[in-house]
Amino acid sequence: MAVPKKKTSKARKNTRRAHDFLTAPAISICPQCKAAKLPHRVCGSCGTYKGKEVLDAKEI
């Protein structure tokens, strides 16, 4: 059975885990209704994308 010969230091352990974290999703502002939305997606509150109405506001 493989057993480590030396204790893994805190610096080596934390360096290895440096990319294991969650990032918050980017949020942009809708130019029509000023609501928060994800970039490159249809606005959930007014249904517009790039200044054009894509979805009816009734469907949302």
N, C-alpha and C. Protein backbone atom coordinates (compact mmCIF):
# COMPACT_ATOMS: atom_id res chain seq x y z
N MET A 1 0.84 -1.17 0.00
CA MET A 1 0.00 0.00 0.00
C MET A 1 0.89 1.25 0.00
N ALA A 2 0.57 2.22 -0.83
CA ALA A 2 1.38 3.42 -0.94
C ALA A 2 1.11 4.36 0.23
N VAL A 3 2.18 4.76 0.89
CA VAL A 3 2.09 5.68 2.02
C VAL A 3 3.04 6.84 1.74
N PRO A 4 2.59 8.10 1.93
CA PRO A 4 3.48 9.23 1.69
C PRO A 4 4.67 9.22 2.63
N LYS A 5 5.83 9.55 2.11
CA LYS A 5 7.05 9.54 2.92
C LYS A 5 7.14 10.80 3.77
N LYS A 6 6.67 11.92 3.24
CA LYS A 6 6.71 13.19 3.96
C LYS A 6 5.31 13.80 4.04
N LYS A 7 5.08 14.61 5.04
CA LYS A 7 3.80 15.31 5.17
C LYS A 7 3.70 16.38 4.08
N THR A 8 2.53 16.49 3.46
CA THR A 8 2.30 17.52 2.46
C THR A 8 2.13 18.85 3.17
N SER A 9 2.94 19.83 2.78
CA SER A 9 2.89 21.13 3.45
C SER A 9 1.61 21.88 3.08
N LYS A 10 1.28 22.89 3.90
CA LYS A 10 0.08 23.68 3.64
C LYS A 10 0.20 24.44 2.33
N ALA A 11 1.39 24.93 2.03
CA ALA A 11 1.58 25.70 0.80
C ALA A 11 1.39 24.81 -0.43
N ARG A 12 1.95 23.60 -0.39
CA ARG A 12 1.80 22.70 -1.53
C ARG A 12 0.34 22.25 -1.69
N LYS A 13 -0.31 21.97 -0.56
CA LYS A 13 -1.71 21.55 -0.60
C LYS A 13 -2.60 22.67 -1.14
N ASN A 14 -2.40 23.90 -0.67
CA ASN A 14 -3.23 25.02 -1.11
C ASN A 14 -2.93 25.43 -2.54
N THR A 15 -1.70 25.26 -2.99
CA THR A 15 -1.37 25.53 -4.39
C THR A 15 -2.07 24.57 -5.31
N ARG A 16 -2.15 23.33 -4.91
CA ARG A 16 -2.83 22.33 -5.71
C ARG A 16 -4.33 22.62 -5.78
N ARG A 17 -4.86 23.16 -4.72
CA ARG A 17 -6.30 23.42 -4.66
C ARG A 17 -6.67 24.84 -5.10
N ALA A 18 -5.75 25.56 -5.69
CA ALA A 18 -5.97 26.98 -6.00
C ALA A 18 -7.10 27.18 -7.00
N HIS A 19 -7.33 26.23 -7.89
CA HIS A 19 -8.37 26.39 -8.90
C HIS A 19 -9.69 25.73 -8.51
N ASP A 20 -9.76 25.15 -7.32
CA ASP A 20 -10.98 24.48 -6.88
C ASP A 20 -11.88 25.44 -6.11
N PHE A 21 -12.43 26.41 -6.79
CA PHE A 21 -13.32 27.34 -6.13
C PHE A 21 -14.43 27.71 -7.10
N LEU A 22 -15.52 28.22 -6.57
CA LEU A 22 -16.66 28.62 -7.38
C LEU A 22 -16.55 30.09 -7.71
N THR A 23 -16.92 30.44 -8.93
CA THR A 23 -16.95 31.83 -9.33
C THR A 23 -18.40 32.27 -9.51
N ALA A 24 -18.67 33.47 -9.13
CA ALA A 24 -20.03 34.01 -9.29
C ALA A 24 -20.29 34.26 -10.77
N PRO A 25 -21.51 34.00 -11.25
CA PRO A 25 -21.79 34.25 -12.66
C PRO A 25 -21.76 35.75 -12.95
N ALA A 26 -21.31 36.10 -14.15
CA ALA A 26 -21.27 37.49 -14.56
C ALA A 26 -22.70 38.00 -14.75
N ILE A 27 -22.93 39.22 -14.34
CA ILE A 27 -24.27 39.81 -14.45
C ILE A 27 -24.15 41.10 -15.23
N SER A 28 -25.03 41.26 -16.21
CA SER A 28 -25.10 42.50 -16.95
C SER A 28 -26.48 43.12 -16.74
N ILE A 29 -26.62 44.36 -17.18
CA ILE A 29 -27.86 45.10 -16.99
C ILE A 29 -28.60 45.16 -18.32
N CYS A 30 -29.89 44.88 -18.30
CA CYS A 30 -30.71 44.97 -19.50
C CYS A 30 -30.87 46.44 -19.88
N PRO A 31 -30.59 46.82 -21.12
CA PRO A 31 -30.72 48.23 -21.50
C PRO A 31 -32.17 48.70 -21.58
N GLN A 32 -33.12 47.78 -21.71
CA GLN A 32 -34.52 48.16 -21.82
C GLN A 32 -35.16 48.41 -20.45
N CYS A 33 -35.07 47.41 -19.58
CA CYS A 33 -35.78 47.50 -18.29
C CYS A 33 -34.85 47.66 -17.10
N LYS A 34 -33.55 47.66 -17.31
CA LYS A 34 -32.53 47.84 -16.27
C LYS A 34 -32.53 46.72 -15.23
N ALA A 35 -33.01 45.55 -15.60
CA ALA A 35 -33.00 44.40 -14.69
C ALA A 35 -31.69 43.64 -14.88
N ALA A 36 -31.28 42.91 -13.87
CA ALA A 36 -30.08 42.10 -13.96
C ALA A 36 -30.36 40.87 -14.80
N LYS A 37 -29.39 40.51 -15.68
CA LYS A 37 -29.54 39.34 -16.53
C LYS A 37 -28.17 38.77 -16.83
N LEU A 38 -28.14 37.54 -17.32
CA LEU A 38 -26.90 36.94 -17.75
C LEU A 38 -26.51 37.48 -19.12
N PRO A 39 -25.22 37.70 -19.37
CA PRO A 39 -24.84 38.23 -20.68
C PRO A 39 -25.11 37.25 -21.81
N HIS A 40 -25.41 37.78 -22.98
CA HIS A 40 -25.68 37.01 -24.20
C HIS A 40 -26.90 36.12 -24.06
N ARG A 41 -27.88 36.56 -23.27
CA ARG A 41 -29.12 35.80 -23.10
C ARG A 41 -30.30 36.76 -23.10
N VAL A 42 -31.47 36.22 -23.37
CA VAL A 42 -32.69 37.02 -23.39
C VAL A 42 -33.00 37.48 -21.97
N CYS A 43 -33.43 38.71 -21.83
CA CYS A 43 -33.81 39.25 -20.53
C CYS A 43 -35.05 38.51 -20.03
N GLY A 44 -35.01 38.08 -18.79
CA GLY A 44 -36.12 37.33 -18.23
C GLY A 44 -37.32 38.17 -17.86
N SER A 45 -37.12 39.47 -17.68
CA SER A 45 -38.25 40.29 -17.25
C SER A 45 -38.97 40.96 -18.41
N CYS A 46 -38.23 41.39 -19.45
CA CYS A 46 -38.91 42.07 -20.56
C CYS A 46 -38.87 41.27 -21.87
N GLY A 47 -38.04 40.24 -21.98
CA GLY A 47 -38.02 39.39 -23.16
C GLY A 47 -37.31 39.98 -24.37
N THR A 48 -36.38 40.90 -24.15
CA THR A 48 -35.65 41.50 -25.28
C THR A 48 -34.22 40.97 -25.33
N TYR A 49 -33.65 41.00 -26.53
CA TYR A 49 -32.26 40.63 -26.73
C TYR A 49 -31.70 41.54 -27.82
N LYS A 50 -30.63 42.26 -27.49
CA LYS A 50 -29.99 43.22 -28.40
C LYS A 50 -30.97 44.26 -28.93
N GLY A 51 -31.87 44.73 -28.06
CA GLY A 51 -32.81 45.77 -28.44
C GLY A 51 -34.03 45.30 -29.20
N LYS A 52 -34.15 44.01 -29.47
CA LYS A 52 -35.31 43.48 -30.20
C LYS A 52 -36.13 42.59 -29.28
N GLU A 53 -37.43 42.66 -29.41
CA GLU A 53 -38.30 41.82 -28.59
C GLU A 53 -38.30 40.40 -29.16
N VAL A 54 -37.84 39.47 -28.38
CA VAL A 54 -37.74 38.07 -28.81
C VAL A 54 -38.90 37.26 -28.26
N LEU A 55 -39.23 37.49 -27.01
CA LEU A 55 -40.33 36.78 -26.36
C LEU A 55 -41.40 37.77 -25.95
N ASP A 56 -42.64 37.33 -25.95
CA ASP A 56 -43.72 38.17 -25.43
C ASP A 56 -43.56 38.28 -23.93
N ALA A 57 -43.85 39.43 -23.40
CA ALA A 57 -43.77 39.62 -21.95
C ALA A 57 -44.81 38.78 -21.23
N LYS A 58 -45.88 38.39 -21.94
CA LYS A 58 -46.91 37.56 -21.34
C LYS A 58 -46.42 36.14 -21.11
N GLU A 59 -45.50 35.66 -21.98
CA GLU A 59 -44.99 34.29 -21.87
C GLU A 59 -44.07 34.15 -20.66
N ILE A 60 -43.46 35.21 -20.27
CA ILE A 60 -42.46 35.16 -19.19
C ILE A 60 -43.09 35.20 -17.87
